Protein backbone atom coordinates (compact mmCIF):
# COMPACT_ATOMS: atom_id res chain seq x y z
CA MET A 1 0.00 0.00 0.00
CA ALA A 2 1.62 3.28 -1.06
CA THR A 3 1.46 6.47 0.93
CA GLY A 4 -1.95 8.02 0.29
CA ASP A 5 -3.73 4.70 -0.31
CA VAL A 6 -6.75 4.12 1.91
CA PRO A 7 -8.72 0.88 2.36
CA GLU A 8 -12.18 1.02 0.85
CA ASN A 9 -13.84 0.57 4.24
CA ARG A 10 -11.98 3.65 5.46
CA ASP A 11 -10.84 1.79 8.54
CA LEU A 12 -7.32 0.53 9.11
CA ASP A 13 -6.89 -2.54 11.25
CA ALA A 14 -3.66 -3.47 13.01
CA PRO A 15 -2.36 -5.98 10.41
CA ALA A 16 -2.90 -3.51 7.55
CA LEU A 17 -1.17 -0.76 9.49
CA GLU A 18 1.71 -3.04 10.42
CA GLY A 19 2.34 -3.79 6.77
CA LEU A 20 2.15 -0.11 5.84
CA PHE A 21 4.46 0.82 8.72
CA THR A 22 7.02 -1.79 7.70
CA LYS A 23 7.12 -0.47 4.15
CA GLU A 24 7.36 3.18 5.23
CA LEU A 25 10.01 2.43 7.88
CA ASN A 26 12.18 0.66 5.32
CA SER A 27 11.74 3.61 2.95
CA ALA A 28 12.64 6.09 5.69
CA PHE A 29 15.77 4.17 6.65
CA ALA A 30 16.87 3.87 3.02
CA ALA A 31 16.29 7.58 2.40
CA LEU A 32 18.79 8.52 5.10
CA GLY A 33 21.68 6.83 3.33
CA CYS A 34 24.98 6.44 5.19
CA PHE A 35 27.53 8.84 6.67
CA ASN A 36 31.08 7.60 6.02
CA LEU A 37 33.97 8.76 8.18
CA ALA A 38 37.66 7.92 7.69
CA VAL A 39 39.72 7.78 10.90
CA PHE A 40 43.52 7.72 10.93
CA GLY A 41 46.16 7.83 13.63
CA ALA A 42 48.78 5.82 15.46
CA THR A 43 48.03 2.87 17.72
CA GLY A 44 46.81 4.06 21.11
CA ALA A 45 45.75 7.49 19.88
CA GLY A 46 42.20 6.89 21.13
CA LYS A 47 40.38 6.52 17.81
CA SER A 48 37.89 3.90 18.99
CA THR A 49 37.10 5.77 22.20
CA LEU A 50 36.48 8.94 20.19
CA VAL A 51 34.17 7.20 17.71
CA ASN A 52 32.27 5.51 20.54
CA ALA A 53 31.78 8.82 22.34
CA ILE A 54 30.19 10.44 19.29
CA PHE A 55 28.30 7.49 17.84
CA GLY A 56 27.40 5.49 20.91
CA LYS A 57 28.86 2.06 20.29
CA ASP A 58 31.86 0.25 18.86
CA VAL A 59 31.32 0.05 15.12
CA ALA A 60 34.09 -2.50 14.68
CA ASP A 61 32.45 -4.86 17.19
CA THR A 62 28.83 -4.45 16.11
CA GLY A 63 29.04 -3.62 12.42
CA ILE A 64 29.84 -5.46 9.22
CA GLY A 65 33.55 -5.22 8.45
CA GLN A 66 35.47 -5.75 5.25
CA SER A 67 38.95 -4.98 4.00
CA VAL A 68 38.78 -2.39 1.23
CA THR A 69 42.51 -1.99 0.57
CA LYS A 70 45.81 -2.84 2.22
CA GLY A 71 45.82 -1.46 5.74
CA ILE A 72 42.24 -0.10 5.67
CA ASP A 73 39.04 -1.78 6.78
CA TYR A 74 35.51 -0.51 6.29
CA HIS A 75 32.96 -1.13 9.04
CA ARG A 76 29.32 -0.29 8.43
CA ARG A 77 27.29 -0.18 11.60
CA ASP A 78 24.44 -2.66 11.59
CA ASP A 79 21.83 0.11 11.59
CA GLY A 80 23.17 1.25 8.23
CA PHE A 81 23.52 4.96 9.09
CA LEU A 82 27.27 4.99 9.78
CA GLY A 83 30.36 3.64 8.04
CA ILE A 84 33.93 3.93 9.30
CA PHE A 85 37.09 3.62 7.22
CA ASP A 86 39.71 2.65 9.79
CA SER A 87 43.43 2.09 9.44
CA GLU A 88 44.53 -0.43 12.02
CA GLY A 89 46.82 1.90 13.98
CA PHE A 90 49.83 2.80 11.89
CA GLU A 91 53.08 4.62 12.35
CA THR A 92 54.65 6.93 9.79
CA GLY A 93 56.86 5.68 7.00
CA SER A 94 56.21 2.83 4.57
CA ALA A 95 53.00 1.72 6.33
CA GLY A 96 51.56 5.19 5.94
CA ASP A 97 52.60 5.30 2.27
CA GLN A 98 50.86 1.98 1.59
CA ILE A 99 47.68 3.24 3.20
CA LEU A 100 47.74 6.42 1.13
CA ASP A 101 48.27 4.50 -2.11
CA GLY A 102 45.33 2.24 -1.40
CA LEU A 103 43.16 5.06 -0.12
CA GLN A 104 43.68 7.09 -3.28
CA SER A 105 42.11 4.29 -5.31
CA VAL A 106 39.23 3.90 -2.83
CA VAL A 107 38.46 7.63 -2.88
CA GLN A 108 38.47 7.81 -6.68
CA THR A 109 36.29 4.73 -7.08
CA ARG A 110 33.74 5.77 -4.50
CA ARG A 111 33.60 9.36 -5.71
CA ALA A 112 32.15 8.04 -8.96
CA GLY A 113 29.39 6.24 -7.06
CA PRO A 114 26.35 7.27 -5.00
CA ILE A 115 26.81 9.87 -2.25
CA ASP A 116 26.27 7.32 0.53
CA GLN A 117 29.31 5.33 -0.67
CA GLN A 118 31.69 8.28 -0.63
CA ILE A 119 33.97 9.35 2.22
CA HIS A 120 32.42 12.47 3.72
CA ALA A 121 35.03 13.50 6.31
CA ALA A 122 38.40 12.41 7.71
CA TRP A 123 39.71 12.64 11.26
CA TYR A 124 43.47 12.49 11.80
CA VAL A 125 43.86 11.62 15.46
CA VAL A 126 46.85 12.73 17.53
CA ARG A 127 47.40 11.86 21.19
CA TRP A 128 48.47 14.96 23.09
CA SER A 129 50.81 13.04 25.39
CA ASP A 130 53.02 12.10 22.42
CA ARG A 131 53.99 15.79 22.51
CA ARG A 132 55.23 15.74 18.94
CA PHE A 133 53.90 16.03 15.44
CA GLU A 134 56.39 14.93 12.83
CA GLU A 135 56.81 16.05 9.23
CA ALA A 136 55.72 12.61 8.04
CA GLN A 137 52.40 13.11 9.85
CA ALA A 138 52.01 16.54 8.30
CA ALA A 139 52.71 15.04 4.87
CA PHE A 140 50.06 12.37 5.47
CA VAL A 141 47.48 15.05 6.32
CA ARG A 142 48.40 17.03 3.20
CA SER A 143 47.95 13.89 1.11
CA LEU A 144 44.48 13.35 2.54
CA ALA A 145 43.53 16.91 1.64
CA ASP A 146 45.03 16.51 -1.85
CA MET A 147 42.56 13.64 -2.38
CA GLY A 148 39.76 16.10 -1.78
CA LEU A 149 38.91 14.81 1.69
CA PRO A 150 37.86 17.41 4.28
CA VAL A 151 40.32 16.76 7.11
CA LEU A 152 40.08 17.55 10.81
CA ILE A 153 43.02 17.01 13.15
CA VAL A 154 41.71 15.78 16.49
CA MET A 155 43.88 15.88 19.57
CA THR A 156 42.78 13.27 22.09
CA GLN A 157 43.03 12.55 25.82
CA VAL A 158 43.68 16.22 26.55
CA PRO A 159 43.49 16.95 30.29
CA THR A 160 41.90 20.11 31.60
CA LYS A 161 41.62 21.69 35.01
CA ASP A 162 39.02 24.32 35.87
CA GLY A 163 38.40 24.78 32.16
CA ASP A 164 42.07 25.31 31.29
CA VAL A 165 43.77 22.97 28.81
CA HIS A 166 47.05 21.40 29.86
CA PRO A 167 49.78 23.84 28.74
CA HIS A 168 51.75 21.18 26.85
CA ALA A 169 48.64 20.24 24.90
CA ARG A 170 48.05 23.87 24.04
CA GLU A 171 51.67 24.22 22.98
CA LEU A 172 51.39 21.22 20.64
CA SER A 173 48.12 22.54 19.24
CA ASP A 174 49.68 25.92 18.53
CA TYR A 175 52.63 24.24 16.82
CA ILE A 176 50.33 22.23 14.52
CA THR A 177 48.28 25.33 13.76
CA GLY A 178 51.46 27.15 12.79
CA LEU A 179 52.18 24.56 10.11
CA ASN A 180 49.28 25.97 8.05
CA LEU A 181 48.07 22.53 7.07
CA PRO A 182 45.02 22.21 4.76
CA ILE A 183 42.69 21.25 7.61
CA ARG A 184 39.24 22.51 8.56
CA ALA A 185 38.02 24.06 11.86
CA GLY A 186 40.03 27.19 11.20
CA GLY A 187 43.28 25.36 10.55
CA ALA A 188 43.65 24.30 14.18
CA PRO A 189 43.31 20.91 15.87
CA VAL A 190 40.09 20.14 17.72
CA LEU A 191 41.07 19.38 21.32
CA THR A 192 39.09 16.61 23.00
CA ASN A 193 38.90 14.23 25.90
CA ALA A 194 36.39 11.52 25.05
CA LEU A 195 36.42 9.75 28.40
CA ALA A 196 36.42 11.38 31.84
CA ASP A 197 39.41 10.24 33.92
CA SER A 198 38.43 9.29 37.47
CA PHE A 199 42.08 9.29 38.59
CA THR A 200 43.16 12.71 37.32
CA HIS A 201 39.57 14.06 37.39
CA ALA A 202 40.05 15.33 33.83
CA PRO A 203 36.50 15.81 32.47
CA GLU A 204 35.11 14.89 29.09
CA PHE A 205 35.23 17.87 26.75
CA GLY A 206 35.52 19.01 23.15
CA LEU A 207 33.17 16.39 21.68
CA ALA A 208 30.41 18.85 20.81
CA ARG A 209 32.93 21.06 19.02
CA LEU A 210 34.23 18.07 17.07
CA LEU A 211 30.71 17.11 16.03
CA ASP A 212 29.95 20.69 14.96
CA ALA A 213 33.18 20.84 12.97
CA THR A 214 32.30 17.55 11.29
CA TYR A 215 28.86 18.87 10.30
CA ASP A 216 30.57 21.91 8.81
CA VAL A 217 32.53 19.79 6.32
CA VAL A 218 29.97 17.08 5.51
CA PRO A 219 27.91 17.51 2.32
CA GLU A 220 24.28 18.31 2.89
CA ALA A 221 23.19 15.01 1.33
CA ALA A 222 24.96 13.08 4.11
CA GLN A 223 23.89 15.22 7.06
CA ALA A 224 20.61 13.38 7.68
CA ALA A 225 22.53 10.13 8.11
CA LEU A 226 25.03 11.85 10.41
CA THR A 227 22.16 13.19 12.51
CA ALA A 228 20.65 9.72 12.81
CA ALA A 229 24.02 8.08 13.54
CA GLN A 230 25.38 10.44 16.18
CA ARG A 231 24.32 9.98 19.80
CA LEU A 232 25.81 13.13 21.26
CA ASP A 233 23.45 15.93 20.24
CA VAL A 234 19.77 15.11 20.74
CA GLU A 235 18.81 18.68 19.85
CA ARG A 236 19.91 18.09 16.25
CA LYS A 237 17.62 15.07 16.11
CA LYS A 238 14.75 17.13 17.54
CA LYS A 239 15.30 19.83 14.91
CA ALA A 240 15.13 17.24 12.13
CA VAL A 241 11.98 15.75 13.65
CA LYS A 242 10.34 19.15 13.96
CA ALA A 243 10.73 19.65 10.22
CA ILE A 244 9.20 16.22 9.57
CA ILE A 245 6.19 16.99 11.77
CA ASN A 246 5.65 20.40 10.18
CA GLN A 247 5.71 18.84 6.72
CA ALA A 248 3.20 16.16 7.74
CA ALA A 249 0.93 18.73 9.38
CA THR A 250 0.94 20.80 6.20
CA LEU A 251 -0.02 17.75 4.17
CA ALA A 252 -2.79 16.89 6.67
CA SER A 253 -4.10 20.42 6.35
CA GLY A 254 -4.46 19.86 2.63
CA ILE A 255 -6.34 16.61 3.21
CA GLY A 256 -8.74 18.45 5.50
CA ALA A 257 -9.16 21.43 3.18
CA VAL A 258 -12.58 20.00 2.40
CA PRO A 259 -13.90 19.04 5.88
CA ILE A 260 -14.31 15.30 6.32
CA PRO A 261 -16.39 13.44 8.93
CA PHE A 262 -14.56 11.92 11.89
CA THR A 263 -15.71 8.55 10.59
CA ASP A 264 -13.43 9.15 7.60
CA ALA A 265 -10.41 10.00 9.75
CA ALA A 266 -8.56 7.04 8.24
CA LEU A 267 -7.85 9.36 5.32
CA LEU A 268 -5.21 10.97 7.55
CA VAL A 269 -3.56 7.72 8.64
CA PRO A 270 -1.20 7.03 5.69
CA ASN A 271 0.32 10.49 6.06
CA GLN A 272 0.80 9.87 9.79
CA VAL A 273 2.34 6.46 9.18
CA THR A 274 4.92 8.08 6.90
CA MET A 275 5.54 10.79 9.50
CA ILE A 276 6.08 8.31 12.33
CA ALA A 277 8.39 6.19 10.17
CA ARG A 278 10.51 9.23 9.30
CA ILE A 279 10.64 10.32 12.94
CA SER A 280 11.84 6.86 13.97
CA ALA A 281 14.61 6.96 11.36
CA ALA A 282 15.65 10.51 12.29
CA TYR A 283 16.25 9.39 15.87
CA GLY A 284 18.53 6.67 14.53
CA LEU A 285 16.40 3.78 15.71
CA PRO A 286 17.89 0.78 13.88
CA PRO A 287 16.06 -1.07 11.11
CA HIS A 288 16.35 -4.47 12.79
CA ARG A 289 13.70 -3.26 15.23
CA SER A 290 11.39 -2.19 12.42
CA ARG A 291 8.83 -4.93 12.97
CA ALA A 292 8.53 -4.17 16.67
CA MET A 293 8.17 -0.46 15.86
CA ALA A 294 5.63 -1.24 13.14
CA ILE A 295 3.53 -3.28 15.57
CA ALA A 296 3.75 -0.53 18.19
CA GLY A 297 2.89 2.14 15.63
CA SER A 298 -0.06 0.18 14.33
CA LEU A 299 -1.40 -0.15 17.87
CA VAL A 300 -1.25 3.58 18.58
CA LEU A 301 -2.92 4.44 15.27
CA THR A 302 -5.51 1.66 15.05
CA GLY A 303 -9.19 2.53 15.35
CA GLY A 304 -12.02 3.56 13.07
CA ALA A 305 -12.90 6.85 14.77
CA THR A 306 -9.55 8.68 14.58
CA MET A 307 -5.93 8.08 13.69
CA ALA A 308 -4.98 7.62 17.34
CA GLY A 309 -7.94 5.37 18.07
CA ARG A 310 -11.38 6.16 19.43
CA TYR A 311 -9.64 7.06 22.64
CA ALA A 312 -8.16 10.13 20.94
CA VAL A 313 -11.49 11.68 19.90
CA THR A 314 -11.84 13.24 23.32
CA SER A 315 -8.24 13.36 24.50
CA LEU A 316 -7.05 15.35 21.48
CA LEU A 317 -9.71 18.07 21.70
CA LYS A 318 -7.32 20.21 23.71
CA PHE A 319 -5.09 20.57 20.65
CA ILE A 320 -7.88 22.04 18.55
CA PRO A 321 -8.42 25.81 18.70
CA GLY A 322 -11.45 26.49 20.88
CA GLY A 323 -11.44 22.95 22.26
CA ALA A 324 -14.46 21.89 20.23
CA ILE A 325 -15.09 20.22 16.89
CA ALA A 326 -17.59 22.21 14.89
CA GLY A 327 -20.04 19.98 13.07
CA SER A 328 -18.13 16.85 14.08
CA ALA A 329 -15.90 17.28 11.06
CA ILE A 330 -12.17 17.34 10.47
CA SER A 331 -11.21 20.66 8.92
CA ALA A 332 -7.78 21.72 7.68
CA THR A 333 -6.93 23.20 11.08
CA VAL A 334 -8.15 20.14 12.98
CA ALA A 335 -6.30 17.74 10.67
CA ALA A 336 -3.05 19.65 11.08
CA SER A 337 -3.48 19.91 14.87
CA LEU A 338 -4.19 16.22 15.31
CA THR A 339 -1.31 15.20 13.08
CA ARG A 340 1.09 17.50 14.89
CA ALA A 341 -0.04 16.07 18.25
CA VAL A 342 0.51 12.51 17.07
CA GLY A 343 3.95 13.41 15.71
CA LEU A 344 5.04 15.12 18.91
CA ALA A 345 3.80 12.20 21.02
CA TRP A 346 5.68 9.66 18.89
CA SER A 347 8.82 11.80 19.02
CA ARG A 348 8.66 11.62 22.83
CA VAL A 349 8.49 7.83 22.56
CA CYS A 350 11.55 7.75 20.29
CA GLU A 351 13.42 10.29 22.39
CA TYR A 352 12.96 8.03 25.40
CA ALA A 353 13.93 4.90 23.45
CA VAL A 354 17.30 6.24 22.30
CA THR A 355 18.32 6.82 25.93
CA LEU A 356 17.96 3.10 26.70
CA PRO A 357 20.78 0.53 26.37
CA PRO A 358 20.32 -1.73 23.31
CA GLY A 359 19.01 -4.66 25.36
CA GLN A 360 16.43 -2.51 27.11
CA GLN A 361 15.38 -0.99 23.80
CA GLU A 362 14.45 -4.45 22.55
CA VAL A 363 12.30 -5.03 25.62
CA PHE A 364 10.68 -1.60 25.33
CA TRP A 365 9.65 -1.93 21.67
CA ASN A 366 8.13 -5.33 22.34
CA SER A 367 6.07 -4.22 25.33
CA SER A 368 2.87 -2.32 26.04
CA ALA A 369 5.05 0.46 27.46
CA VAL A 370 5.28 1.98 23.98
CA VAL A 371 1.53 2.56 23.74
CA ASP A 372 1.37 3.73 27.36
CA ARG A 373 4.14 6.26 26.82
CA PHE A 374 2.58 7.44 23.56
CA ARG A 375 -0.80 8.02 25.20
CA SER A 376 0.83 9.76 28.14
CA ALA A 377 2.68 12.10 25.79
CA LEU A 378 -0.48 12.62 23.74
CA THR A 379 -2.51 13.80 26.73
CA ALA A 380 0.23 15.70 28.54
CA LYS A 381 -0.23 19.42 28.94
CA ARG A 382 1.90 21.40 26.50
């Protein structure tokens, strides 16, 4: 059933909605594509810790890995939103030259393909405690930039105290900046500490700046996948979801331009199914949970009276200007208001779900808690 199709009896039962949800969820996931990041640096530089801090879990352990060229593996996270090109820690010299030779071929081949197969950004990771940055490292960074890759130098494990960066780390950063390398973020390294140190009490810092700098260099076509993949900035996810809800509300308004009876409210359901599917994808909820989400979504939208069930006929009145439904009909304003309410309620469900550990997410999506949380969000005062 395509978006916009409505059963002849104008009532959507749970199995029909589940099938529609599954199709729309798969479409929403596919539309996001994949954000691909290349990460380079010596062994022990903290690459994995940095990736985990931004993206929430170890891609190498949970994703699908393959060798793409000598010295470089590609890991695509199992949710499909994130791919990492990773050199198994290397030192400068011949190993670095081999990686560059192979990478040049990879970049050229992928650049000729779809956007979600290309490399969208590169991090060159330097551990501050090494307290040196050699010419061979600078040459490697220049080579990455010569390939057309937007490069960020990321300094890791940088200790701070009372907001002040360790002076030796600052000194190294200033030295690298003075080399005038072709790197983004104003030509300076992004200083980070991805994991708070309980012994030295050095706090986590710099991750938000690194994420912002990465967004600045990523092509617009890959930013939706980056938003879904990253776990650091929920506000970016909320902004994306707000746009989805506004678009769906506008479409619902068009459906209700000629007032329709509440008994024909199923006319609004396909639009809301698409909206909920896109919201789920924007929050980065992985496709392997799509059936559980489809079942949950079908439950919250099942019912002949309204798109949120007969229960919502009364509970949603508060969202309608004046708090009453003139002539028991769905007008453009009512259709938009109801659709917006459903979208906001589902976004609260997804927002909660992404805070749960993976195991608990599985339990949540397969329980009645989804419907309970949706109804609670639907009736909450705004």
